[in-house]
């Protein structure tokens, strides 16, 4: 199966985008990722800091689960 770059980029969110959606700091999102609380895709190490992307589907599932618990 072949994916276009646009489709792949659309499905992966940056840490900043996830933090904005959840209304938390980027440090919190990184902490969740490194602790295993939030599933993420690790990008190749660039020498400074490990980069991550979160699948939009993962974030949507988290938001739906949280909304169900709040009901």
PDB file of N, CA and C in Angstrom:
ATOM      1  N   UNK A   1       0.846  -1.170   0.000  1.00  0.00           N
ATOM      2  CA  UNK A   1       0.000   0.000   0.000  1.00  0.00           C
ATOM      3  C   UNK A   1       0.893   1.235   0.000  1.00  0.00           C
ATOM      4  N   UNK A   2       0.556   2.197  -0.827  1.00  0.00           N
ATOM      5  CA  UNK A   2       1.354   3.412  -0.956  1.00  0.00           C
ATOM      6  C   UNK A   2       0.571   4.576  -0.366  1.00  0.00           C
ATOM      7  N   UNK A   3       1.251   5.374   0.448  1.00  0.00           N
ATOM      8  CA  UNK A   3       0.633   6.549   1.044  1.00  0.00           C
ATOM      9  C   UNK A   3       1.294   7.791   0.480  1.00  0.00           C
ATOM     10  N   UNK A   4       0.511   8.802   0.217  1.00  0.00           N
ATOM     11  CA  UNK A   4       1.095  10.066  -0.217  1.00  0.00           C
ATOM     12  C   UNK A   4       1.661  10.775   1.005  1.00  0.00           C
ATOM     13  N   UNK A   5       2.618  11.663   0.788  1.00  0.00           N
ATOM     14  CA  UNK A   5       3.201  12.414   1.895  1.00  0.00           C
ATOM     15  C   UNK A   5       2.142  13.266   2.591  1.00  0.00           C
ATOM     16  N   UNK A   6       1.194  13.818   1.827  1.00  0.00           N
ATOM     17  CA  UNK A   6       0.146  14.640   2.421  1.00  0.00           C
ATOM     18  C   UNK A   6      -0.718  13.830   3.377  1.00  0.00           C
ATOM     19  N   UNK A   7      -1.092  12.620   2.987  1.00  0.00           N
ATOM     20  CA  UNK A   7      -1.939  11.777   3.835  1.00  0.00           C
ATOM     21  C   UNK A   7      -1.197  11.396   5.106  1.00  0.00           C
ATOM     22  N   UNK A   8       0.070  11.029   4.988  1.00  0.00           N
ATOM     23  CA  UNK A   8       0.857  10.649   6.155  1.00  0.00           C
ATOM     24  C   UNK A   8       1.023  11.838   7.094  1.00  0.00           C
ATOM     25  N   UNK A   9       1.351  12.997   6.548  1.00  0.00           N
ATOM     26  CA  UNK A   9       1.544  14.188   7.368  1.00  0.00           C
ATOM     27  C   UNK A   9       0.247  14.590   8.061  1.00  0.00           C
ATOM     28  N   UNK A  10      -0.863  14.357   7.420  1.00  0.00           N
ATOM     29  CA  UNK A  10      -2.153  14.713   7.989  1.00  0.00           C
ATOM     30  C   UNK A  10      -2.487  13.837   9.190  1.00  0.00           C
ATOM     31  N   UNK A  11      -2.023  12.617   9.195  1.00  0.00           N
ATOM     32  CA  UNK A  11      -2.367  11.680  10.258  1.00  0.00           C
ATOM     33  C   UNK A  11      -1.449  11.784  11.472  1.00  0.00           C
ATOM     34  N   UNK A  12      -0.299  12.434  11.341  1.00  0.00           N
ATOM     35  CA  UNK A  12       0.647  12.554  12.442  1.00  0.00           C
ATOM     36  C   UNK A  12       0.665  13.981  12.974  1.00  0.00           C
ATOM     37  N   UNK A  13       0.554  14.109  14.282  1.00  0.00           N
ATOM     38  CA  UNK A  13       0.523  15.416  14.925  1.00  0.00           C
ATOM     39  C   UNK A  13       1.819  15.664  15.681  1.00  0.00           C
ATOM     40  N   UNK A  14       2.249  16.907  15.713  1.00  0.00           N
ATOM     41  CA  UNK A  14       3.433  17.268  16.490  1.00  0.00           C
ATOM     42  C   UNK A  14       3.066  17.309  17.971  1.00  0.00           C
ATOM     43  N   UNK A  15       4.081  17.342  18.804  1.00  0.00           N
ATOM     44  CA  UNK A  15       3.852  17.451  20.245  1.00  0.00           C
ATOM     45  C   UNK A  15       3.129  18.755  20.560  1.00  0.00           C
ATOM     46  N   UNK A  16       3.493  19.811  19.862  1.00  0.00           N
ATOM     47  CA  UNK A  16       2.829  21.101  20.060  1.00  0.00           C
ATOM     48  C   UNK A  16       1.350  21.059  19.721  1.00  0.00           C
ATOM     49  N   UNK A  17       1.010  20.378  18.638  1.00  0.00           N
ATOM     50  CA  UNK A  17      -0.396  20.257  18.244  1.00  0.00           C
ATOM     51  C   UNK A  17      -1.192  19.450  19.267  1.00  0.00           C
ATOM     52  N   UNK A  18      -0.587  18.386  19.769  1.00  0.00           N
ATOM     53  CA  UNK A  18      -1.250  17.557  20.785  1.00  0.00           C
ATOM     54  C   UNK A  18      -1.437  18.366  22.067  1.00  0.00           C
ATOM     55  N   UNK A  19      -0.401  19.084  22.469  1.00  0.00           N
ATOM     56  CA  UNK A  19      -0.478  19.899  23.680  1.00  0.00           C
ATOM     57  C   UNK A  19      -1.575  20.955  23.562  1.00  0.00           C
ATOM     58  N   UNK A  20      -1.663  21.580  22.407  1.00  0.00           N
ATOM     59  CA  UNK A  20      -2.690  22.596  22.187  1.00  0.00           C
ATOM     60  C   UNK A  20      -4.086  21.979  22.263  1.00  0.00           C
ATOM     61  N   UNK A  21      -4.266  20.835  21.645  1.00  0.00           N
ATOM     62  CA  UNK A  21      -5.571  20.164  21.642  1.00  0.00           C
ATOM     63  C   UNK A  21      -5.990  19.755  23.057  1.00  0.00           C
ATOM     64  N   UNK A  22      -5.021  19.289  23.856  1.00  0.00           N
ATOM     65  CA  UNK A  22      -5.315  18.830  25.217  1.00  0.00           C
ATOM     66  C   UNK A  22      -5.206  19.940  26.257  1.00  0.00           C
ATOM     67  N   UNK A  23      -4.732  21.111  25.813  1.00  0.00           N
ATOM     68  CA  UNK A  23      -4.557  22.277  26.692  1.00  0.00           C
ATOM     69  C   UNK A  23      -3.612  21.992  27.850  1.00  0.00           C
ATOM     70  N   UNK A  24      -2.470  21.408  27.477  1.00  0.00           N
ATOM     71  CA  UNK A  24      -1.400  21.150  28.440  1.00  0.00           C
ATOM     72  C   UNK A  24      -0.093  21.651  27.834  1.00  0.00           C
ATOM     73  N   UNK A  25       0.952  21.671  28.618  1.00  0.00           N
ATOM     74  CA  UNK A  25       2.266  22.089  28.142  1.00  0.00           C
ATOM     75  C   UNK A  25       2.917  20.971  27.331  1.00  0.00           C
ATOM     76  N   UNK A  26       3.813  21.342  26.421  1.00  0.00           N
ATOM     77  CA  UNK A  26       4.512  20.338  25.616  1.00  0.00           C
ATOM     78  C   UNK A  26       5.344  19.407  26.487  1.00  0.00           C
ATOM     79  N   UNK A  27       5.841  19.909  27.606  1.00  0.00           N
ATOM     80  CA  UNK A  27       6.609  19.062  28.525  1.00  0.00           C
ATOM     81  C   UNK A  27       5.739  17.934  29.063  1.00  0.00           C
ATOM     82  N   UNK A  28       4.493  18.221  29.334  1.00  0.00           N
ATOM     83  CA  UNK A  28       3.563  17.203  29.821  1.00  0.00           C
ATOM     84  C   UNK A  28       3.357  16.122  28.773  1.00  0.00           C
ATOM     85  N   UNK A  29       3.185  16.531  27.516  1.00  0.00           N
ATOM     86  CA  UNK A  29       2.995  15.558  26.435  1.00  0.00           C
ATOM     87  C   UNK A  29       4.235  14.686  26.306  1.00  0.00           C
ATOM     88  N   UNK A  30       5.425  15.289  26.347  1.00  0.00           N
ATOM     89  CA  UNK A  30       6.673  14.509  26.275  1.00  0.00           C
ATOM     90  C   UNK A  30       6.760  13.514  27.430  1.00  0.00           C
ATOM     91  N   UNK A  31       6.375  13.943  28.608  1.00  0.00           N
ATOM     92  CA  UNK A  31       6.403  13.069  29.784  1.00  0.00           C
ATOM     93  C   UNK A  31       5.461  11.884  29.588  1.00  0.00           C
ATOM     94  N   UNK A  32       4.274  12.141  29.064  1.00  0.00           N
ATOM     95  CA  UNK A  32       3.318  11.059  28.800  1.00  0.00           C
ATOM     96  C   UNK A  32       3.878  10.074  27.786  1.00  0.00           C
ATOM     97  N   UNK A  33       4.562  10.599  26.770  1.00  0.00           N
ATOM     98  CA  UNK A  33       5.135   9.731  25.739  1.00  0.00           C
ATOM     99  C   UNK A  33       6.248   8.866  26.323  1.00  0.00           C
ATOM    100  N   UNK A  34       7.181   9.477  27.046  1.00  0.00           N
ATOM    101  CA  UNK A  34       8.314   8.712  27.578  1.00  0.00           C
ATOM    102  C   UNK A  34       7.889   7.719  28.657  1.00  0.00           C
ATOM    103  N   UNK A  35       6.779   8.006  29.353  1.00  0.00           N
ATOM    104  CA  UNK A  35       6.296   7.071  30.375  1.00  0.00           C
ATOM    105  C   UNK A  35       5.439   5.957  29.782  1.00  0.00           C
ATOM    106  N   UNK A  36       5.071   6.111  28.506  1.00  0.00           N
ATOM    107  CA  UNK A  36       4.240   5.099  27.866  1.00  0.00           C
ATOM    108  C   UNK A  36       2.749   5.363  27.986  1.00  0.00           C
ATOM    109  N   UNK A  37       2.376   6.471  28.604  1.00  0.00           N
ATOM    110  CA  UNK A  37       0.961   6.798  28.769  1.00  0.00           C
ATOM    111  C   UNK A  37       0.313   7.257  27.467  1.00  0.00           C
ATOM    112  N   UNK A  38       1.129   7.759  26.536  1.00  0.00           N
ATOM    113  CA  UNK A  38       0.633   8.217  25.238  1.00  0.00           C
ATOM    114  C   UNK A  38       1.490   7.590  24.151  1.00  0.00           C
ATOM    115  N   UNK A  39       0.851   6.866  23.260  1.00  0.00           N
ATOM    116  CA  UNK A  39       1.568   6.188  22.178  1.00  0.00           C
ATOM    117  C   UNK A  39       2.016   7.210  21.137  1.00  0.00           C
ATOM    118  N   UNK A  40       3.276   7.096  20.707  1.00  0.00           N
ATOM    119  CA  UNK A  40       3.821   8.021  19.716  1.00  0.00           C
ATOM    120  C   UNK A  40       4.809   7.305  18.808  1.00  0.00           C
ATOM    121  N   UNK A  41       5.069   7.927  17.677  1.00  0.00           N
ATOM    122  CA  UNK A  41       6.049   7.428  16.718  1.00  0.00           C
ATOM    123  C   UNK A  41       7.333   8.219  16.940  1.00  0.00           C
ATOM    124  N   UNK A  42       8.439   7.518  17.180  1.00  0.00           N
ATOM    125  CA  UNK A  42       9.725   8.194  17.375  1.00  0.00           C
ATOM    126  C   UNK A  42      10.351   8.494  16.020  1.00  0.00           C
ATOM    127  N   UNK A  43      10.799   9.721  15.858  1.00  0.00           N
ATOM    128  CA  UNK A  43      11.480  10.127  14.637  1.00  0.00           C
ATOM    129  C   UNK A  43      12.970   9.854  14.788  1.00  0.00           C
ATOM    130  N   UNK A  44      13.705   9.814  13.685  1.00  0.00           N
ATOM    131  CA  UNK A  44      15.155   9.616  13.786  1.00  0.00           C
ATOM    132  C   UNK A  44      15.775  10.695  14.672  1.00  0.00           C
ATOM    133  N   UNK A  45      16.699  10.283  15.509  1.00  0.00           N
ATOM    134  CA  UNK A  45      17.362  11.189  16.445  1.00  0.00           C
ATOM    135  C   UNK A  45      18.167  12.211  15.672  1.00  0.00           C
ATOM    136  N   UNK A  46      17.987  13.503  15.970  1.00  0.00           N
ATOM    137  CA  UNK A  46      18.678  14.558  15.233  1.00  0.00           C
ATOM    138  C   UNK A  46      19.848  15.163  15.997  1.00  0.00           C
ATOM    139  N   UNK A  47      20.232  14.582  17.106  1.00  0.00           N
ATOM    140  CA  UNK A  47      21.370  15.073  17.864  1.00  0.00           C
ATOM    141  C   UNK A  47      21.008  16.017  18.999  1.00  0.00           C
ATOM    142  N   UNK A  48      19.822  16.570  18.981  1.00  0.00           N
ATOM    143  CA  UNK A  48      19.411  17.494  20.026  1.00  0.00           C
ATOM    144  C   UNK A  48      18.417  16.831  20.970  1.00  0.00           C
ATOM    145  N   UNK A  49      17.276  16.504  20.434  1.00  0.00           N
ATOM    146  CA  UNK A  49      16.198  15.952  21.241  1.00  0.00           C
ATOM    147  C   UNK A  49      15.432  14.956  20.379  1.00  0.00           C
ATOM    148  N   UNK A  50      15.013  13.875  20.969  1.00  0.00           N
ATOM    149  CA  UNK A  50      14.233  12.874  20.242  1.00  0.00           C
ATOM    150  C   UNK A  50      12.924  13.518  19.790  1.00  0.00           C
ATOM    151  N   UNK A  51      12.607  13.358  18.511  1.00  0.00           N
ATOM    152  CA  UNK A  51      11.359  13.888  17.975  1.00  0.00           C
ATOM    153  C   UNK A  51      10.279  12.826  17.994  1.00  0.00           C
ATOM    154  N   UNK A  52       9.069  13.239  18.217  1.00  0.00           N
ATOM    155  CA  UNK A  52       7.934  12.320  18.245  1.00  0.00           C
ATOM    156  C   UNK A  52       6.778  12.901  17.447  1.00  0.00           C
ATOM    157  N   UNK A  53       5.940  12.015  16.966  1.00  0.00           N
ATOM    158  CA  UNK A  53       4.670  12.397  16.359  1.00  0.00           C
ATOM    159  C   UNK A  53       3.612  11.465  16.936  1.00  0.00           C
ATOM    160  N   UNK A  54       2.431  12.005  17.117  1.00  0.00           N
ATOM    161  CA  UNK A  54       1.312  11.237  17.657  1.00  0.00           C
ATOM    162  C   UNK A  54       0.284  11.066  16.544  1.00  0.00           C
ATOM    163  N   UNK A  55      -0.179   9.845  16.378  1.00  0.00           N
ATOM    164  CA  UNK A  55      -1.200   9.595  15.362  1.00  0.00           C
ATOM    165  C   UNK A  55      -2.489  10.305  15.768  1.00  0.00           C
ATOM    166  N   UNK A  56      -3.114  10.955  14.810  1.00  0.00           N
ATOM    167  CA  UNK A  56      -4.370  11.653  15.080  1.00  0.00           C
ATOM    168  C   UNK A  56      -5.407  10.688  15.637  1.00  0.00           C
ATOM    169  N   UNK A  57      -5.399   9.482  15.134  1.00  0.00           N
ATOM    170  CA  UNK A  57      -6.324   8.442  15.606  1.00  0.00           C
ATOM    171  C   UNK A  57      -6.109   8.178  17.102  1.00  0.00           C
ATOM    172  N   UNK A  58      -4.852   8.162  17.554  1.00  0.00           N
ATOM    173  CA  UNK A  58      -4.542   7.939  18.967  1.00  0.00           C
ATOM    174  C   UNK A  58      -5.105   9.065  19.818  1.00  0.00           C
ATOM    175  N   UNK A  59      -4.917  10.297  19.357  1.00  0.00           N
ATOM    176  CA  UNK A  59      -5.441  11.447  20.097  1.00  0.00           C
ATOM    177  C   UNK A  59      -6.967  11.420  20.128  1.00  0.00           C
ATOM    178  N   UNK A  60      -7.585  11.112  18.999  1.00  0.00           N
ATOM    179  CA  UNK A  60      -9.050  11.034  18.946  1.00  0.00           C
ATOM    180  C   UNK A  60      -9.584   9.984  19.917  1.00  0.00           C
ATOM    181  N   UNK A  61      -8.926   8.835  19.980  1.00  0.00           N
ATOM    182  CA  UNK A  61      -9.331   7.771  20.903  1.00  0.00           C
ATOM    183  C   UNK A  61      -9.207   8.243  22.348  1.00  0.00           C
ATOM    184  N   UNK A  62      -8.106   8.914  22.663  1.00  0.00           N
ATOM    185  CA  UNK A  62      -7.894   9.439  24.011  1.00  0.00           C
ATOM    186  C   UNK A  62      -8.990  10.438  24.377  1.00  0.00           C
ATOM    187  N   UNK A  63      -9.299  11.339  23.463  1.00  0.00           N
ATOM    188  CA  UNK A  63     -10.332  12.342  23.725  1.00  0.00           C
ATOM    189  C   UNK A  63     -11.707  11.702  23.893  1.00  0.00           C
ATOM    190  N   UNK A  64     -12.018  10.711  23.077  1.00  0.00           N
ATOM    191  CA  UNK A  64     -13.311  10.026  23.185  1.00  0.00           C
ATOM    192  C   UNK A  64     -13.424   9.252  24.489  1.00  0.00           C
ATOM    193  N   UNK A  65     -12.347   8.600  24.899  1.00  0.00           N
ATOM    194  CA  UNK A  65     -12.334   7.844  26.154  1.00  0.00           C
ATOM    195  C   UNK A  65     -12.515   8.782  27.339  1.00  0.00           C
ATOM    196  N   UNK A  66     -11.821   9.911  27.301  1.00  0.00           N
ATOM    197  CA  UNK A  66     -11.923  10.896  28.372  1.00  0.00           C
ATOM    198  C   UNK A  66     -13.331  11.475  28.439  1.00  0.00           C
ATOM    199  N   UNK A  67     -13.922  11.742  27.286  1.00  0.00           N
ATOM    200  CA  UNK A  67     -15.282  12.293  27.241  1.00  0.00           C
ATOM    201  C   UNK A  67     -16.290  11.292  27.797  1.00  0.00           C
ATOM    202  N   UNK A  68     -16.090  10.026  27.509  1.00  0.00           N
ATOM    203  CA  UNK A  68     -17.002   8.990  28.008  1.00  0.00           C
ATOM    204  C   UNK A  68     -16.923   8.887  29.527  1.00  0.00           C
ATOM    205  N   UNK A  69     -15.724   9.015  30.074  1.00  0.00           N
ATOM    206  CA  UNK A  69     -15.555   8.929  31.533  1.00  0.00           C
ATOM    207  C   UNK A  69     -16.196  10.118  32.226  1.00  0.00           C
ATOM    208  N   UNK A  70     -16.150  11.279  31.568  1.00  0.00           N
ATOM    209  CA  UNK A  70     -16.710  12.491  32.158  1.00  0.00           C
ATOM    210  C   UNK A  70     -18.238  12.487  32.150  1.00  0.00           C
ATOM    211  N   UNK A  71     -18.821  11.684  31.283  1.00  0.00           N
ATOM    212  CA  UNK A  71     -20.298  11.646  31.176  1.00  0.00           C
ATOM    213  C   UNK A  71     -20.939  10.930  32.336  1.00  0.00           C
TER     214      UNK A  71
END
